[in-house]
């Protein structure tokens, strides 16, 4: 009787839980390896373009501050 309490859950685990667990695990790994979808790639390009625009704006602002107040960096750099 005692062995049934141990063998029962193990059998249920091996028949139902383990195959489902393995299937879901490898399905998620395969999804991760496929890379970006078309929408994700387009969104990434859009964000990269926005980041480049922000970088140019910061550089322009720094250039303006350098011209108007040459020692601003020493007052505000950490």
N, C-alpha and C. Protein backbone atom coordinates (compact mmCIF):
# COMPACT_ATOMS: atom_id res chain seq x y z
N UNK A 1 0.81 -1.18 0.00
CA UNK A 1 0.00 0.00 0.00
C UNK A 1 0.87 1.26 0.00
N UNK A 2 1.96 1.23 0.74
CA UNK A 2 2.86 2.37 0.84
C UNK A 2 3.51 2.67 -0.51
N UNK A 3 3.84 1.64 -1.27
CA UNK A 3 4.48 1.87 -2.56
C UNK A 3 3.52 2.51 -3.56
N UNK A 4 2.22 2.29 -3.40
CA UNK A 4 1.24 2.91 -4.29
C UNK A 4 1.22 4.42 -4.11
N UNK A 5 1.40 4.89 -2.85
CA UNK A 5 1.41 6.33 -2.60
C UNK A 5 2.59 7.03 -3.27
N UNK A 6 3.65 6.29 -3.48
CA UNK A 6 4.82 6.85 -4.15
C UNK A 6 4.73 6.61 -5.65
N UNK A 7 4.37 5.38 -6.05
CA UNK A 7 4.35 5.03 -7.47
C UNK A 7 3.22 5.74 -8.20
N UNK A 8 2.09 5.94 -7.58
CA UNK A 8 0.95 6.59 -8.23
C UNK A 8 1.28 7.98 -8.74
N UNK A 9 1.73 8.87 -7.89
CA UNK A 9 2.08 10.22 -8.37
C UNK A 9 3.23 10.21 -9.38
N UNK A 10 4.17 9.30 -9.21
CA UNK A 10 5.28 9.23 -10.17
C UNK A 10 4.76 8.82 -11.54
N UNK A 11 3.87 7.86 -11.59
CA UNK A 11 3.31 7.42 -12.87
C UNK A 11 2.49 8.54 -13.51
N UNK A 12 1.67 9.21 -12.72
CA UNK A 12 0.89 10.34 -13.25
C UNK A 12 1.82 11.42 -13.78
N UNK A 13 2.88 11.70 -13.05
CA UNK A 13 3.84 12.71 -13.50
C UNK A 13 4.48 12.31 -14.82
N UNK A 14 4.94 11.06 -14.91
CA UNK A 14 5.62 10.60 -16.11
C UNK A 14 4.68 10.51 -17.31
N UNK A 15 3.41 10.21 -17.11
CA UNK A 15 2.49 10.06 -18.23
C UNK A 15 1.92 11.40 -18.69
N UNK A 16 1.59 12.28 -17.76
CA UNK A 16 0.89 13.51 -18.12
C UNK A 16 1.76 14.76 -18.03
N UNK A 17 2.39 14.95 -16.91
CA UNK A 17 3.08 16.22 -16.66
C UNK A 17 4.39 16.33 -17.43
N UNK A 18 5.23 15.33 -17.37
CA UNK A 18 6.55 15.40 -18.01
C UNK A 18 6.46 15.63 -19.52
N UNK A 19 5.62 14.87 -20.26
CA UNK A 19 5.55 15.14 -21.71
C UNK A 19 5.05 16.55 -22.03
N UNK A 20 4.04 17.00 -21.29
CA UNK A 20 3.54 18.35 -21.51
C UNK A 20 4.61 19.39 -21.19
N UNK A 21 5.30 19.18 -20.10
CA UNK A 21 6.37 20.08 -19.70
C UNK A 21 7.46 20.14 -20.78
N UNK A 22 7.90 18.99 -21.25
CA UNK A 22 8.93 18.95 -22.30
C UNK A 22 8.44 19.61 -23.59
N UNK A 23 7.20 19.31 -23.97
CA UNK A 23 6.65 19.92 -25.19
C UNK A 23 6.65 21.44 -25.09
N UNK A 24 6.15 21.98 -23.99
CA UNK A 24 6.09 23.43 -23.83
C UNK A 24 7.48 24.05 -23.74
N UNK A 25 8.39 23.35 -23.09
CA UNK A 25 9.77 23.86 -22.97
C UNK A 25 10.43 24.00 -24.34
N UNK A 26 10.38 22.94 -25.13
CA UNK A 26 11.05 22.98 -26.43
C UNK A 26 10.31 23.87 -27.43
N UNK A 27 9.00 24.00 -27.26
CA UNK A 27 8.28 24.92 -28.13
C UNK A 27 8.70 26.36 -27.85
N UNK A 28 8.86 26.71 -26.59
CA UNK A 28 9.30 28.07 -26.26
C UNK A 28 10.74 28.31 -26.70
N UNK A 29 11.59 27.29 -26.62
CA UNK A 29 12.97 27.44 -27.10
C UNK A 29 12.99 27.67 -28.62
N UNK A 30 12.16 26.93 -29.34
CA UNK A 30 12.11 27.08 -30.79
C UNK A 30 11.60 28.46 -31.16
N UNK A 31 10.62 28.97 -30.42
CA UNK A 31 10.11 30.31 -30.68
C UNK A 31 11.19 31.36 -30.46
N UNK A 32 11.96 31.17 -29.42
CA UNK A 32 13.02 32.14 -29.08
C UNK A 32 14.11 32.14 -30.13
N UNK A 33 14.37 31.01 -30.75
CA UNK A 33 15.45 30.91 -31.74
C UNK A 33 15.05 31.45 -33.10
N UNK A 34 13.76 31.60 -33.36
CA UNK A 34 13.34 32.08 -34.67
C UNK A 34 13.70 33.53 -34.89
N UNK A 35 13.95 34.27 -33.85
CA UNK A 35 14.34 35.67 -33.98
C UNK A 35 13.14 36.59 -33.96
N UNK A 36 13.32 37.76 -34.52
CA UNK A 36 12.28 38.78 -34.48
C UNK A 36 11.28 38.58 -35.61
N UNK A 37 10.03 38.88 -35.33
CA UNK A 37 9.01 38.86 -36.38
C UNK A 37 9.15 40.14 -37.21
N UNK A 38 8.38 40.23 -38.25
CA UNK A 38 8.45 41.42 -39.10
C UNK A 38 8.09 42.68 -38.36
N UNK A 39 7.02 42.61 -37.55
CA UNK A 39 6.61 43.78 -36.77
C UNK A 39 7.66 44.16 -35.74
N UNK A 40 8.24 43.17 -35.09
CA UNK A 40 9.27 43.44 -34.08
C UNK A 40 10.51 44.06 -34.73
N UNK A 41 10.87 43.57 -35.90
CA UNK A 41 12.03 44.12 -36.60
C UNK A 41 11.77 45.57 -37.02
N UNK A 42 10.56 45.83 -37.51
CA UNK A 42 10.19 47.19 -37.90
C UNK A 42 10.20 48.12 -36.69
N UNK A 43 9.67 47.66 -35.57
CA UNK A 43 9.66 48.46 -34.35
C UNK A 43 11.08 48.74 -33.86
N UNK A 44 11.95 47.74 -33.96
CA UNK A 44 13.35 47.92 -33.56
C UNK A 44 14.03 48.96 -34.43
N UNK A 45 13.78 48.94 -35.74
CA UNK A 45 14.35 49.94 -36.63
C UNK A 45 13.83 51.33 -36.29
N UNK A 46 12.54 51.42 -35.97
CA UNK A 46 11.94 52.71 -35.61
C UNK A 46 12.59 53.25 -34.33
N UNK A 47 12.77 52.38 -33.34
CA UNK A 47 13.39 52.81 -32.09
C UNK A 47 14.85 53.21 -32.28
N UNK A 48 15.56 52.50 -33.16
CA UNK A 48 16.95 52.85 -33.44
C UNK A 48 17.03 54.22 -34.11
N UNK A 49 16.09 54.50 -35.01
CA UNK A 49 16.05 55.80 -35.68
C UNK A 49 15.77 56.91 -34.66
N UNK A 50 14.82 56.66 -33.75
CA UNK A 50 14.51 57.65 -32.71
C UNK A 50 15.72 57.88 -31.80
N UNK A 51 16.42 56.81 -31.45
CA UNK A 51 17.61 56.96 -30.60
C UNK A 51 18.69 57.78 -31.29
N UNK A 52 18.85 57.57 -32.58
CA UNK A 52 19.84 58.36 -33.33
C UNK A 52 19.44 59.83 -33.37
N UNK A 53 18.14 60.10 -33.54
CA UNK A 53 17.67 61.49 -33.53
C UNK A 53 17.91 62.13 -32.17
N UNK A 54 17.65 61.40 -31.10
CA UNK A 54 17.88 61.92 -29.76
C UNK A 54 19.36 62.20 -29.53
N UNK A 55 20.21 61.30 -30.02
CA UNK A 55 21.65 61.50 -29.87
C UNK A 55 22.09 62.78 -30.58
N UNK A 56 21.57 63.03 -31.79
CA UNK A 56 21.91 64.24 -32.53
C UNK A 56 21.41 65.49 -31.80
N UNK A 57 20.22 65.41 -31.20
CA UNK A 57 19.70 66.54 -30.46
C UNK A 57 20.55 66.86 -29.24
N UNK A 58 20.97 65.82 -28.53
CA UNK A 58 21.82 66.04 -27.35
C UNK A 58 23.15 66.66 -27.78
N UNK A 59 23.71 66.16 -28.87
CA UNK A 59 24.98 66.73 -29.36
C UNK A 59 24.80 68.19 -29.75
N UNK A 60 23.69 68.54 -30.39
CA UNK A 60 23.42 69.93 -30.76
C UNK A 60 23.26 70.80 -29.51
N UNK A 61 22.53 70.31 -28.53
CA UNK A 61 22.37 71.08 -27.29
C UNK A 61 23.71 71.28 -26.58
N UNK A 62 24.54 70.25 -26.57
CA UNK A 62 25.86 70.40 -25.96
C UNK A 62 26.71 71.41 -26.72
N UNK A 63 26.60 71.40 -28.04
CA UNK A 63 27.36 72.36 -28.85
C UNK A 63 26.89 73.79 -28.54
N UNK A 64 25.58 73.99 -28.39
CA UNK A 64 25.05 75.31 -28.05
C UNK A 64 25.52 75.74 -26.66
N UNK A 65 25.45 74.82 -25.70
CA UNK A 65 25.91 75.15 -24.36
C UNK A 65 27.41 75.44 -24.33
N UNK A 66 28.19 74.70 -25.11
CA UNK A 66 29.64 74.97 -25.18
C UNK A 66 29.90 76.38 -25.70
N UNK A 67 29.10 76.83 -26.67
CA UNK A 67 29.30 78.16 -27.23
C UNK A 67 28.86 79.25 -26.26
N UNK A 68 27.76 79.02 -25.55
CA UNK A 68 27.23 80.06 -24.66
C UNK A 68 27.87 80.06 -23.28
N UNK A 69 28.22 78.89 -22.78
CA UNK A 69 28.78 78.78 -21.44
C UNK A 69 29.86 77.69 -21.45
N UNK A 70 31.08 78.06 -21.77
CA UNK A 70 32.15 77.06 -21.96
C UNK A 70 32.43 76.17 -20.74
N UNK A 71 32.16 76.63 -19.54
CA UNK A 71 32.49 75.83 -18.36
C UNK A 71 31.28 75.09 -17.78
N UNK A 72 30.24 74.90 -18.54
CA UNK A 72 29.03 74.23 -18.05
C UNK A 72 29.30 72.77 -17.71
N UNK A 73 30.22 72.15 -18.45
CA UNK A 73 30.51 70.74 -18.20
C UNK A 73 31.14 70.53 -16.81
N UNK A 74 32.02 71.40 -16.43
CA UNK A 74 32.68 71.25 -15.14
C UNK A 74 31.69 71.48 -13.99
N UNK A 75 30.66 72.24 -14.22
CA UNK A 75 29.66 72.49 -13.19
C UNK A 75 28.62 71.37 -13.10
N UNK A 76 28.41 70.61 -14.16
CA UNK A 76 27.31 69.65 -14.20
C UNK A 76 27.72 68.20 -14.42
N UNK A 77 28.98 67.93 -14.72
CA UNK A 77 29.42 66.54 -14.87
C UNK A 77 29.63 65.92 -13.48
N UNK A 78 29.27 64.68 -13.39
CA UNK A 78 29.41 64.00 -12.08
C UNK A 78 30.80 63.45 -11.89
